[in-house]
Amino acid sequence: MASPFRVLVIDDDPGVRDYLEALVSRQGYEVFAVAGGEEALRTLDESRPDLVTLDVVLPGMDGLETLKELKQRLPELPVIMLSGHGQAATIVEAMKLGATDFLRKPFEVEELELAFQKALEKRALKAEVEQLRGRARAESDLMILGGDNQKMREVREIIEQVADTDITVLVRGESGTGKELVARTIFQLSGRRDKPFVKVNCAALPSELLESELFGFEKGAFTGAQKRKLGKFEYANHGTIFLDEISEMHPNLQAKLLQVLQDGEFSRLGGESDVRVDTRIIAATNRNLEEAVADGTFREDLYYRLNVVTVAMPPLRERTDGIPLLVDHFLKKYNEQYKKEVKQLSPETLDVFMKYHWPGNVRELENMVKRMVVLENESAVLADINLREARAASAEEPALPDLAALDADLAEGNGIDLKAIAKRAAQVAEKRVIEKVLGQTRWNRKEAAERLQISYKALLYKMKENGLSEGR
């Protein structure tokens, strides 16, 4: 059964306030009545109104100021202004600030009922339009996740199966494969689509700041905490939170996230009581979480809680059949954005795209198409691809010594340059180890240098010497 609409009545006259409260209650609405604008704004989290009646003349913060603040905080909230004067200038100003209707006191019961009906119908229509737009966006996103190979069919099937549930989803894949797009598509196809979608990049902030960002803090929790701050989980209440690069979260913080997953509650920094939330969690990672669990950087219990349903995004090089569809989408997007008319790419360019390795995946393809649209020229991008491939080819690791050739040289009594062979073998081994450690640290050079027990500067030199660059 749907909850009744909640009406916030703001009027400083106790008689009018009581009358409105009784009248609105008889119409089947829940009522929350306050005497002034400051109190109304202070108690918004408690009242959670679907509609407001607001007196123009109030002590302290007047009706127009209150209206302005209300619309800043809740732009879609319908507000019906009430006034005993009804001066034209006041009415015009109220409408400019976003008032839904304006009634002069005293008003008939039918007038108020009609104003309520119009305001709520308008709000419902707006919500329906947004919902349809969201579904259209989601269906468009599903097309972007195109390609007729088995892996992408599986991705689309999983999205459609889990979208309208509250199940936790873990999206895995290389950088640039479209993990956030998967999360947003799941959200847009879910029953929570008209609630908040909140994204948090777990790698963007240090552990201490990430904790306050996710869970908020109380006034005085630490130096500089001058007032209570709500965390992202509270903003995402009844909606969806997308935790990108979840593997970068500190183990201490992972324990707090585990509590949210298990019990739906947490405590703010400096808080004494628990906060309950109903938030769906979608997480993403480009790391091997099983390795992270094995080396102790990711909690095993959290891994099993997150890994309920997995969406594995294949790299673009494994779904090249989707490239033409993606190119068409990005052409349309950037033609519209930059007022250009690049209708299609040449067959030669598409052929290059189909054969290219795409180390940066869909993000790299999007940037290349964007450049072609902006420049209205394909040659610069094609030259860039040729240069990248030439660098990759020249950076191929040196071959190990040919043992058969060495045997022949030895049999014939020829000399062998042992130092050269040792140097070549060491170079091959060094390059493989550096590449492996960089992969494990997601190309975090500082962390890789620590693991390899060399200086950061030495690592940069060795990377250059071995032709290693991020995205290979």
Protein backbone atom coordinates (compact mmCIF):
# COMPACT_ATOMS: atom_id res chain seq x y z
CA MET A 1 0.00 0.00 0.00
CA ALA A 2 1.40 3.42 -1.00
CA SER A 3 2.21 5.89 1.79
CA PRO A 4 -0.10 8.96 2.01
CA PHE A 5 1.24 12.26 0.67
CA ARG A 6 2.96 14.41 3.28
CA VAL A 7 2.07 18.11 3.48
CA LEU A 8 4.21 20.68 5.28
CA VAL A 9 2.14 23.64 6.57
CA ILE A 10 4.15 26.81 7.32
CA ASP A 11 2.12 29.56 9.03
CA ASP A 12 2.81 31.70 12.12
CA ASP A 13 -0.89 32.12 13.00
CA PRO A 14 -1.84 29.23 15.37
CA GLY A 15 -5.54 29.47 14.36
CA VAL A 16 -4.78 29.24 10.61
CA ARG A 17 -2.21 26.53 11.26
CA ASP A 18 -4.68 24.38 13.24
CA TYR A 19 -7.40 24.97 10.60
CA LEU A 20 -5.10 23.92 7.75
CA GLU A 21 -3.84 20.92 9.71
CA ALA A 22 -7.41 19.68 10.30
CA LEU A 23 -8.49 20.44 6.72
CA VAL A 24 -5.50 18.71 5.13
CA SER A 25 -5.80 15.68 7.45
CA ARG A 26 -9.46 15.23 6.47
CA GLN A 27 -8.33 15.00 2.83
CA GLY A 28 -6.23 11.95 3.72
CA TYR A 29 -2.80 13.60 3.79
CA GLU A 30 -0.17 13.37 6.53
CA VAL A 31 0.48 16.82 7.99
CA PHE A 32 3.57 18.41 9.53
CA ALA A 33 2.90 21.97 10.75
CA VAL A 34 5.49 24.61 11.78
CA ALA A 35 5.34 28.30 12.70
CA GLY A 36 8.17 29.72 10.58
CA GLY A 37 10.59 29.36 7.69
CA GLU A 38 13.67 28.62 9.80
CA GLU A 39 11.91 25.75 11.59
CA ALA A 40 10.59 24.38 8.26
CA LEU A 41 14.08 24.27 6.75
CA ARG A 42 15.61 22.85 9.92
CA THR A 43 13.12 19.96 10.02
CA LEU A 44 13.00 19.10 6.30
CA ASP A 45 14.73 15.73 6.89
CA GLU A 46 12.02 14.89 9.41
CA SER A 47 8.98 16.22 7.54
CA ARG A 48 10.02 14.93 4.05
CA PRO A 49 7.11 16.77 2.38
CA ASP A 50 5.51 15.99 -0.97
CA LEU A 51 3.83 19.41 -0.95
CA VAL A 52 4.07 22.68 1.05
CA THR A 53 1.61 25.43 1.95
CA LEU A 54 3.53 28.61 2.80
CA ASP A 55 2.28 31.89 4.27
CA VAL A 56 3.83 34.96 2.61
CA VAL A 57 4.06 37.00 5.82
CA LEU A 58 6.21 35.30 8.45
CA PRO A 59 8.32 36.63 11.33
CA GLY A 60 12.08 36.40 10.76
CA MET A 61 12.61 34.71 7.40
CA ASP A 62 9.61 35.77 5.32
CA GLY A 63 7.65 33.57 2.91
CA LEU A 64 9.54 34.56 -0.24
CA GLU A 65 12.93 33.92 1.39
CA THR A 66 11.66 30.58 2.67
CA LEU A 67 10.35 29.70 -0.80
CA LYS A 68 13.74 30.52 -2.34
CA GLU A 69 15.54 28.26 0.16
CA LEU A 70 13.03 25.44 -0.27
CA LYS A 71 13.40 25.47 -4.07
CA GLN A 72 17.19 25.50 -3.80
CA ARG A 73 17.13 22.39 -1.63
CA LEU A 74 14.21 20.57 -3.30
CA PRO A 75 13.65 22.05 -6.79
CA GLU A 76 10.79 19.66 -7.64
CA LEU A 77 8.83 20.28 -4.41
CA PRO A 78 5.40 21.91 -5.13
CA VAL A 79 4.83 25.02 -2.96
CA ILE A 80 1.41 26.73 -2.66
CA MET A 81 1.68 30.31 -1.37
CA LEU A 82 -1.04 31.72 0.91
CA SER A 83 -1.54 35.45 1.58
CA GLY A 84 -4.13 37.79 3.04
CA HIS A 85 -3.05 40.60 0.69
CA GLY A 86 -2.34 39.09 -2.71
CA GLN A 87 -0.43 42.09 -4.09
CA ALA A 88 0.47 41.65 -7.75
CA ALA A 89 4.21 42.24 -7.20
CA THR A 90 4.33 39.54 -4.49
CA ILE A 91 2.46 37.05 -6.68
CA VAL A 92 4.80 37.68 -9.63
CA GLU A 93 7.89 37.33 -7.42
CA ALA A 94 6.58 34.07 -5.89
CA MET A 95 5.93 32.59 -9.33
CA LYS A 96 9.41 33.63 -10.50
CA LEU A 97 10.90 31.82 -7.49
CA GLY A 98 9.03 28.63 -8.44
CA ALA A 99 5.73 28.70 -6.50
CA THR A 100 3.19 26.23 -7.94
CA ASP A 101 0.09 28.26 -7.02
CA PHE A 102 -1.01 31.36 -5.06
CA LEU A 103 -4.21 31.50 -2.95
CA ARG A 104 -5.65 34.56 -1.22
CA LYS A 105 -6.92 34.21 2.35
CA PRO A 106 -9.66 33.48 3.15
CA PHE A 107 -10.00 30.73 0.56
CA GLU A 108 -12.69 28.13 -0.03
CA VAL A 109 -12.01 24.49 0.86
CA GLU A 110 -12.56 23.56 -2.81
CA GLU A 111 -9.87 26.07 -3.88
CA LEU A 112 -7.28 24.42 -1.66
CA GLU A 113 -8.33 20.92 -2.76
CA LEU A 114 -8.03 21.93 -6.42
CA ALA A 115 -4.60 23.55 -5.84
CA PHE A 116 -3.40 20.36 -4.11
CA GLN A 117 -4.74 18.18 -6.91
CA LYS A 118 -3.09 20.29 -9.65
CA ALA A 119 0.26 20.44 -7.82
CA LEU A 120 0.43 16.70 -7.15
CA GLU A 121 -0.71 15.78 -10.68
CA LYS A 122 1.98 18.05 -12.13
CA ARG A 123 4.58 16.46 -9.87
CA ALA A 124 3.45 12.92 -10.80
CA LEU A 125 3.57 13.79 -14.51
CA LYS A 126 7.09 15.19 -14.13
CA ALA A 127 8.23 12.04 -12.30
CA GLU A 128 6.70 9.84 -15.02
CA VAL A 129 8.49 11.81 -17.76
CA GLU A 130 11.80 11.48 -15.90
CA GLN A 131 11.16 7.76 -15.44
CA LEU A 132 10.52 7.32 -19.17
CA ARG A 133 13.64 9.34 -19.98
CA GLY A 134 15.62 7.17 -17.58
CA ARG A 135 14.37 3.97 -19.20
CA ALA A 136 15.15 5.37 -22.64
CA ARG A 137 18.65 6.24 -21.45
CA ALA A 138 19.05 2.74 -20.03
CA GLU A 139 17.95 1.13 -23.28
CA SER A 140 20.35 3.42 -25.16
CA ASP A 141 23.12 2.38 -22.76
CA LEU A 142 22.32 -1.28 -23.39
CA MET A 143 22.83 -0.62 -27.09
CA ILE A 144 26.21 0.97 -26.34
CA LEU A 145 27.10 -2.26 -24.57
CA GLY A 146 26.70 -3.74 -28.02
CA GLY A 147 28.34 -6.53 -29.93
CA ASP A 148 26.97 -9.89 -30.89
CA ASN A 149 29.64 -12.04 -29.29
CA GLN A 150 28.83 -14.42 -26.45
CA LYS A 151 30.55 -12.36 -23.73
CA MET A 152 28.53 -9.21 -24.43
CA ARG A 153 25.29 -11.18 -24.73
CA GLU A 154 26.01 -12.55 -21.25
CA VAL A 155 26.65 -9.01 -19.92
CA ARG A 156 23.32 -7.73 -21.26
CA GLU A 157 21.44 -10.79 -19.97
CA ILE A 158 22.86 -10.41 -16.44
CA ILE A 159 22.03 -6.67 -16.40
CA GLU A 160 18.42 -7.35 -17.39
CA GLN A 161 18.07 -10.20 -14.87
CA VAL A 162 19.44 -8.36 -11.82
CA ALA A 163 18.46 -4.73 -12.55
CA ASP A 164 15.06 -4.81 -10.85
CA THR A 165 16.32 -6.56 -7.72
CA ASP A 166 18.25 -5.19 -4.74
CA ILE A 167 21.08 -7.70 -5.11
CA THR A 168 24.68 -6.48 -4.77
CA VAL A 169 26.58 -6.47 -8.09
CA LEU A 170 30.34 -6.52 -8.70
CA VAL A 171 31.46 -5.20 -12.11
CA ARG A 172 34.91 -6.35 -13.19
CA GLY A 173 37.07 -5.36 -16.14
CA GLU A 174 40.03 -3.35 -17.38
CA SER A 175 40.06 0.46 -17.18
CA GLY A 176 37.91 2.05 -19.86
CA THR A 177 35.71 -0.98 -20.58
CA GLY A 178 32.49 0.73 -19.42
CA LYS A 179 32.03 -0.45 -15.82
CA GLU A 180 30.31 2.78 -14.74
CA LEU A 181 27.99 2.52 -17.74
CA VAL A 182 26.97 -0.97 -16.54
CA ALA A 183 26.24 0.42 -13.06
CA ARG A 184 24.15 3.30 -14.41
CA THR A 185 22.23 0.98 -16.75
CA ILE A 186 21.40 -1.36 -13.85
CA PHE A 187 20.22 1.68 -11.86
CA GLN A 188 18.09 3.08 -14.70
CA LEU A 189 16.36 -0.27 -15.24
CA SER A 190 15.72 -0.77 -11.51
CA GLY A 191 12.78 0.18 -9.30
CA ARG A 192 15.07 2.76 -7.64
CA ARG A 193 15.52 4.78 -10.85
CA ASP A 194 13.67 7.81 -9.43
CA LYS A 195 15.88 7.81 -6.31
CA PRO A 196 19.51 9.01 -6.03
CA PHE A 197 22.45 7.43 -7.86
CA VAL A 198 25.63 8.31 -5.97
CA LYS A 199 29.11 7.56 -7.32
CA VAL A 200 32.20 7.34 -5.10
CA ASN A 201 35.72 6.74 -6.44
CA CYS A 202 37.46 4.84 -3.65
CA ALA A 203 40.91 5.56 -5.14
CA ALA A 204 40.43 9.34 -5.30
CA LEU A 205 40.71 10.06 -1.57
CA PRO A 206 42.97 8.98 1.32
CA SER A 207 41.40 6.49 3.73
CA GLU A 208 40.52 9.09 6.43
CA LEU A 209 38.77 11.41 3.97
CA LEU A 210 37.02 8.51 2.23
CA GLU A 211 35.50 7.39 5.54
CA SER A 212 33.96 10.82 6.22
CA GLU A 213 32.87 11.03 2.56
CA LEU A 214 31.06 7.69 2.73
CA PHE A 215 29.67 7.78 6.26
CA GLY A 216 29.65 11.46 7.27
CA PHE A 217 30.64 12.92 10.64
CA GLU A 218 29.20 14.62 13.70
CA LYS A 219 30.03 18.14 14.82
CA GLY A 220 33.32 18.09 16.73
CA ALA A 221 34.35 14.64 15.44
CA PHE A 222 37.75 16.13 14.49
CA THR A 223 39.42 19.51 14.11
CA GLY A 224 37.48 21.51 11.56
CA ALA A 225 34.23 19.51 11.91
CA GLN A 226 32.11 22.56 12.73
CA LYS A 227 28.76 20.98 11.89
CA ARG A 228 27.28 17.57 11.09
CA LYS A 229 27.92 16.32 7.56
CA LEU A 230 25.87 13.55 5.95
CA GLY A 231 27.81 10.85 4.10
CA LYS A 232 27.24 9.48 0.61
CA PHE A 233 25.41 6.43 2.01
CA GLU A 234 22.78 8.71 3.56
CA TYR A 235 22.41 10.69 0.33
CA ALA A 236 21.93 7.35 -1.47
CA ASN A 237 19.26 6.17 0.98
CA HIS A 238 16.49 4.33 -0.97
CA GLY A 239 18.70 4.70 -4.06
CA THR A 240 21.94 3.19 -5.35
CA ILE A 241 25.59 3.80 -4.48
CA PHE A 242 28.33 2.97 -6.99
CA LEU A 243 31.69 2.24 -5.36
CA ASP A 244 34.28 2.51 -8.13
CA GLU A 245 37.77 1.00 -7.64
CA ILE A 246 36.58 -0.82 -4.52
CA SER A 247 39.91 -2.68 -4.26
CA GLU A 248 41.62 0.59 -3.22
CA MET A 249 39.61 0.83 0.01
CA HIS A 250 41.69 0.46 3.19
CA PRO A 251 41.01 -2.79 5.14
CA ASN A 252 39.82 -0.81 8.22
CA LEU A 253 37.22 0.91 6.08
CA GLN A 254 36.31 -2.38 4.42
CA ALA A 255 35.09 -3.60 7.84
CA LYS A 256 32.69 -0.66 8.09
CA LEU A 257 31.41 -1.31 4.56
CA LEU A 258 30.85 -4.96 5.50
CA GLN A 259 28.59 -3.81 8.35
CA VAL A 260 26.47 -1.79 5.90
CA LEU A 261 26.15 -4.82 3.61
CA GLN A 262 25.22 -7.13 6.49
CA ASP A 263 22.99 -4.93 8.65
CA GLY A 264 22.15 -1.84 6.59
CA GLU A 265 23.57 0.44 9.28
CA PHE A 266 26.72 2.35 10.24
CA SER A 267 27.83 5.15 12.56
CA ARG A 268 29.08 8.56 11.49
CA LEU A 269 32.58 9.61 12.54
CA GLY A 270 32.23 10.80 16.14
CA GLY A 271 28.67 9.45 16.32
CA GLU A 272 27.30 7.38 19.20
CA SER A 273 24.21 5.92 17.50
CA ASP A 274 23.83 3.86 14.33
CA VAL A 275 22.29 5.24 11.15
CA ARG A 276 20.05 2.89 9.16
CA VAL A 277 20.02 3.07 5.35
CA ASP A 278 18.34 1.18 2.53
CA THR A 279 20.94 1.50 -0.21
CA ARG A 280 21.73 -0.83 -3.10
CA ILE A 281 25.47 -1.32 -3.63
CA ILE A 282 27.15 -1.74 -7.02
CA ALA A 283 30.95 -2.04 -6.87
CA ALA A 284 33.59 -2.06 -9.61
CA THR A 285 37.24 -3.07 -9.84
CA ASN A 286 39.96 -3.46 -12.45
CA ARG A 287 42.09 -5.52 -10.07
CA ASN A 288 42.21 -9.25 -9.46
CA LEU A 289 40.32 -9.38 -6.13
CA GLU A 290 41.25 -13.02 -5.55
CA GLU A 291 44.94 -12.00 -5.56
CA ALA A 292 44.13 -9.06 -3.27
CA VAL A 293 42.42 -11.46 -0.83
CA ALA A 294 45.41 -13.82 -1.02
CA ASP A 295 47.94 -11.05 -0.26
CA GLY A 296 45.81 -9.67 2.59
CA THR A 297 44.90 -6.27 1.09
CA PHE A 298 41.20 -7.14 0.67
CA ARG A 299 38.97 -8.79 3.28
CA GLU A 300 37.78 -12.24 2.32
CA ASP A 301 34.39 -11.82 4.03
CA LEU A 302 33.78 -8.55 2.15
CA TYR A 303 34.83 -10.21 -1.12
CA TYR A 304 32.14 -12.88 -0.70
CA ARG A 305 29.53 -10.26 0.26
CA LEU A 306 30.28 -8.18 -2.84
CA ASN A 307 30.74 -11.05 -5.25
CA VAL A 308 27.07 -12.13 -5.23
CA VAL A 309 26.53 -11.39 -8.92
CA THR A 310 29.46 -10.55 -11.18
CA VAL A 311 29.36 -8.70 -14.48
CA ALA A 312 32.64 -9.31 -16.32
CA MET A 313 33.27 -6.61 -18.92
CA PRO A 314 35.50 -7.96 -21.71
CA PRO A 315 38.16 -5.61 -23.15
CA LEU A 316 37.31 -3.95 -26.46
CA ARG A 317 39.88 -6.07 -28.34
CA GLU A 318 37.72 -9.12 -27.46
CA ARG A 319 34.48 -7.55 -28.78
CA THR A 320 35.51 -5.73 -31.93
CA ASP A 321 32.15 -6.55 -33.53
CA GLY A 322 30.71 -3.81 -31.28
CA ILE A 323 33.10 -1.12 -32.59
CA PRO A 324 30.87 0.09 -35.52
CA LEU A 325 27.92 0.54 -33.13
CA LEU A 326 30.08 2.43 -30.64
CA VAL A 327 31.54 4.63 -33.40
CA ASP A 328 28.02 5.55 -34.59
CA HIS A 329 26.97 6.41 -31.04
CA PHE A 330 30.01 8.60 -30.36
CA LEU A 331 29.71 10.33 -33.76
CA LYS A 332 26.10 11.23 -32.98
CA LYS A 333 26.99 12.38 -29.46
CA TYR A 334 29.87 14.68 -30.45
CA ASN A 335 28.31 15.97 -33.66
CA GLU A 336 25.44 17.20 -31.49
CA GLN A 337 27.75 18.57 -28.78
CA TYR A 338 30.13 20.43 -31.10
CA LYS A 339 27.60 21.30 -33.85
CA LYS A 340 29.52 19.28 -36.46
CA GLU A 341 28.38 17.07 -39.32
CA VAL A 342 30.81 14.15 -39.50
CA LYS A 343 28.27 11.56 -40.63
CA GLN A 344 30.54 8.51 -40.80
CA LEU A 345 34.15 7.39 -40.78
CA SER A 346 35.91 6.11 -43.88
CA PRO A 347 36.08 2.33 -44.46
CA GLU A 348 39.89 2.58 -44.12
CA THR A 349 39.60 4.12 -40.64
CA LEU A 350 37.05 1.53 -39.53
CA ASP A 351 39.39 -1.18 -40.79
CA VAL A 352 42.24 0.28 -38.68
CA PHE A 353 39.89 0.46 -35.67
CA MET A 354 38.91 -3.21 -36.10
CA LYS A 355 42.57 -4.32 -36.10
CA TYR A 356 43.88 -2.00 -33.35
CA HIS A 357 44.65 -3.48 -29.90
CA TRP A 358 42.74 -0.77 -27.88
CA PRO A 359 44.78 -0.72 -24.65
CA GLY A 360 42.51 2.08 -23.36
CA ASN A 361 39.34 0.21 -24.38
CA VAL A 362 36.04 2.05 -25.02
CA ARG A 363 37.30 5.24 -23.36
CA GLU A 364 40.18 5.39 -25.85
CA LEU A 365 37.80 4.80 -28.78
CA GLU A 366 35.48 7.56 -27.56
CA ASN A 367 38.36 10.05 -27.27
CA MET A 368 39.57 9.19 -30.78
CA VAL A 369 36.11 9.66 -32.31
CA LYS A 370 35.73 12.93 -30.40
CA ARG A 371 39.03 14.21 -31.86
CA MET A 372 37.93 13.23 -35.37
CA VAL A 373 34.65 15.11 -34.95
CA VAL A 374 36.27 18.24 -33.47
CA LEU A 375 39.06 18.33 -36.09
CA GLU A 376 36.76 17.06 -38.88
CA ASN A 377 39.78 15.04 -39.95
CA GLU A 378 40.76 11.38 -39.49
CA SER A 379 44.44 11.56 -40.46
CA ALA A 380 45.79 12.93 -37.17
CA VAL A 381 44.18 10.11 -35.18
CA LEU A 382 45.34 7.47 -37.67
CA ALA A 383 48.89 8.84 -37.46
CA ASP A 384 48.65 8.61 -33.67
CA ILE A 385 47.57 4.95 -33.89
CA ASN A 386 50.46 4.16 -36.25
CA LEU A 387 52.90 5.83 -33.86
CA ARG A 388 51.55 3.87 -30.87
CA GLU A 389 51.82 0.58 -32.75
CA ALA A 390 55.36 1.40 -33.88
CA ARG A 391 56.37 2.15 -30.29
CA ALA A 392 54.75 -1.06 -29.09
CA ALA A 393 56.58 -3.06 -31.76
CA SER A 394 59.95 -1.47 -30.94
CA ALA A 395 59.38 -2.10 -27.25
CA GLU A 396 58.92 -5.85 -27.72
CA GLU A 397 61.19 -7.68 -25.34
CA PRO A 398 64.49 -8.97 -26.79
CA ALA A 399 64.57 -12.61 -27.75
CA LEU A 400 66.30 -15.10 -25.47
CA PRO A 401 69.46 -16.67 -26.88
CA ASP A 402 68.93 -19.34 -29.54
CA LEU A 403 70.20 -22.49 -27.76
CA ALA A 404 70.44 -24.49 -31.01
CA ALA A 405 72.69 -21.82 -32.53
CA LEU A 406 74.82 -21.82 -29.38
CA ASP A 407 75.22 -25.60 -29.61
CA ALA A 408 76.40 -25.24 -33.22
CA ASP A 409 78.90 -22.54 -32.26
CA LEU A 410 80.24 -24.70 -29.45
CA ALA A 411 80.55 -27.75 -31.75
CA GLU A 412 82.56 -25.71 -34.23
CA GLY A 413 84.79 -24.33 -31.52
CA ASN A 414 83.58 -20.76 -32.03
CA GLY A 415 83.78 -18.24 -29.21
CA ILE A 416 80.65 -17.23 -27.26
CA ASP A 417 80.07 -13.82 -25.69
CA LEU A 418 78.83 -14.98 -22.29
CA LYS A 419 78.47 -11.43 -20.97
CA ALA A 420 76.20 -10.46 -23.88
CA ILE A 421 74.05 -13.56 -23.37
CA ALA A 422 73.77 -12.91 -19.63
CA LYS A 423 72.87 -9.27 -20.25
CA ARG A 424 70.16 -10.20 -22.75
CA ALA A 425 68.66 -12.85 -20.44
CA ALA A 426 68.73 -10.43 -17.50
CA GLN A 427 66.98 -7.76 -19.57
CA VAL A 428 64.22 -10.17 -20.55
CA ALA A 429 63.75 -11.27 -16.93
CA GLU A 430 63.86 -7.68 -15.63
CA LYS A 431 61.24 -6.48 -18.11
CA ARG A 432 58.90 -9.38 -17.31
CA VAL A 433 59.17 -8.82 -13.54
CA ILE A 434 58.64 -5.03 -13.79
CA GLU A 435 55.64 -5.53 -16.09
CA LYS A 436 54.16 -8.13 -13.71
CA VAL A 437 54.55 -5.90 -10.63
CA LEU A 438 53.15 -2.85 -12.46
CA GLY A 439 50.14 -4.93 -13.44
CA GLN A 440 49.62 -6.07 -9.84
CA THR A 441 49.77 -2.47 -8.57
CA ARG A 442 47.51 -1.14 -11.36
CA TRP A 443 50.50 0.86 -12.67
CA ASN A 444 50.97 2.66 -9.37
CA ARG A 445 54.67 3.41 -9.89
CA LYS A 446 55.36 4.39 -6.28
CA GLU A 447 53.95 1.13 -4.93
CA ALA A 448 55.70 -0.87 -7.67
CA ALA A 449 59.06 0.72 -6.80
CA GLU A 450 58.56 -0.25 -3.14
CA ARG A 451 57.75 -3.84 -4.08
CA LEU A 452 60.78 -4.04 -6.40
CA GLN A 453 62.96 -2.48 -3.65
CA ILE A 454 64.30 0.25 -5.94
CA SER A 455 63.86 4.03 -5.97
CA TYR A 456 60.96 5.65 -7.80
CA LYS A 457 63.45 7.40 -10.10
CA ALA A 458 65.21 4.09 -10.88
CA LEU A 459 61.88 2.48 -11.77
CA LEU A 460 61.03 5.29 -14.20
CA TYR A 461 64.44 4.87 -15.85
CA LYS A 462 64.02 1.10 -16.16
CA MET A 463 60.49 1.48 -17.54
CA LYS A 464 61.82 3.84 -20.21
CA GLU A 465 64.74 1.52 -20.93
CA ASN A 466 62.39 -1.45 -21.37
CA GLY A 467 59.80 0.46 -23.41
CA LEU A 468 57.07 0.12 -20.76
CA SER A 469 54.22 2.59 -20.60
CA GLU A 470 50.78 2.40 -18.98
CA GLY A 471 48.07 0.79 -21.08
CA ARG A 472 50.31 -1.71 -22.92
